[in-house]
């Protein structure tokens, strides 16, 4: 799934002198752009977490801990 090669069809909002003030995107293009930004944010957070050198636990263990805490609250 290569979203980067997707060509966005954009329309510009301009003032009377032709200066671009804004852009109009299709809903599909907007949603794809948001997904891309969310993916990039996830990657950035992962890189920051790896660089922090803080101790971590396997995801399965984390889910087990969360589930046991959830059950204990009931």
Protein backbone atom coordinates (compact mmCIF):
# COMPACT_ATOMS: atom_id res chain seq x y z
CA UNK A 1 0.00 0.00 0.00
CA UNK A 2 1.91 3.00 -1.27
CA UNK A 3 -0.06 6.11 -0.43
CA UNK A 4 2.77 8.48 -1.30
CA UNK A 5 2.25 8.03 -5.05
CA UNK A 6 -1.39 9.05 -4.79
CA UNK A 7 -1.97 12.21 -6.80
CA UNK A 8 -4.20 14.70 -5.02
CA UNK A 9 -6.57 16.72 -7.13
CA UNK A 10 -6.51 20.13 -5.52
CA UNK A 11 -8.39 23.30 -6.19
CA UNK A 12 -7.15 26.60 -4.83
CA UNK A 13 -9.03 29.47 -3.31
CA UNK A 14 -7.47 32.71 -4.48
CA UNK A 15 -7.91 36.37 -3.80
CA UNK A 16 -8.65 38.89 -6.56
CA UNK A 17 -4.94 39.13 -7.38
CA UNK A 18 -4.55 35.37 -7.80
CA UNK A 19 -2.72 34.84 -4.51
CA UNK A 20 -3.45 31.35 -3.17
CA UNK A 21 -5.30 31.57 0.16
CA UNK A 22 -6.51 28.04 0.68
CA UNK A 23 -7.05 24.65 -0.87
CA UNK A 24 -10.01 22.40 -1.54
CA UNK A 25 -9.45 18.65 -1.40
CA UNK A 26 -11.80 15.81 -2.08
CA UNK A 27 -12.96 14.02 1.05
CA UNK A 28 -11.05 10.93 -0.15
CA UNK A 29 -7.81 12.87 -0.53
CA UNK A 30 -8.29 14.56 2.84
CA UNK A 31 -8.85 11.22 4.58
CA UNK A 32 -5.77 9.71 2.92
CA UNK A 33 -3.71 12.71 3.99
CA UNK A 34 -4.91 12.36 7.61
CA UNK A 35 -4.05 8.64 7.58
CA UNK A 36 -0.56 9.45 6.32
CA UNK A 37 -0.07 12.03 9.07
CA UNK A 38 -1.25 9.56 11.70
CA UNK A 39 1.17 6.93 10.37
CA UNK A 40 4.02 9.44 10.53
CA UNK A 41 3.06 10.39 14.08
CA UNK A 42 3.13 6.71 15.10
CA UNK A 43 6.58 6.31 13.55
CA UNK A 44 7.84 9.45 15.33
CA UNK A 45 6.55 8.17 18.68
CA UNK A 46 8.20 4.79 18.10
CA UNK A 47 11.53 6.41 17.26
CA UNK A 48 11.29 8.66 20.35
CA UNK A 49 10.45 5.68 22.57
CA UNK A 50 13.40 3.66 21.24
CA UNK A 51 15.75 6.63 21.71
CA UNK A 52 14.63 7.17 25.31
CA UNK A 53 16.38 3.95 26.44
CA UNK A 54 13.67 3.51 29.06
CA UNK A 55 12.89 -0.08 30.03
CA UNK A 56 10.04 -1.67 28.09
CA UNK A 57 7.97 -4.81 28.25
CA UNK A 58 6.60 -7.04 25.49
CA UNK A 59 3.17 -5.95 24.24
CA UNK A 60 1.55 -9.25 25.22
CA UNK A 61 2.71 -8.74 28.82
CA UNK A 62 1.38 -5.18 28.77
CA UNK A 63 -2.03 -6.38 27.57
CA UNK A 64 -2.11 -9.02 30.31
CA UNK A 65 -1.31 -6.37 32.94
CA UNK A 66 -4.02 -4.06 31.61
CA UNK A 67 -6.58 -6.85 31.52
CA UNK A 68 -5.79 -7.97 35.07
CA UNK A 69 -6.16 -4.39 36.33
CA UNK A 70 -9.44 -4.06 34.46
CA UNK A 71 -10.75 -7.26 36.05
CA UNK A 72 -9.61 -6.16 39.51
CA UNK A 73 -11.69 -2.96 39.24
CA UNK A 74 -14.93 -4.90 38.68
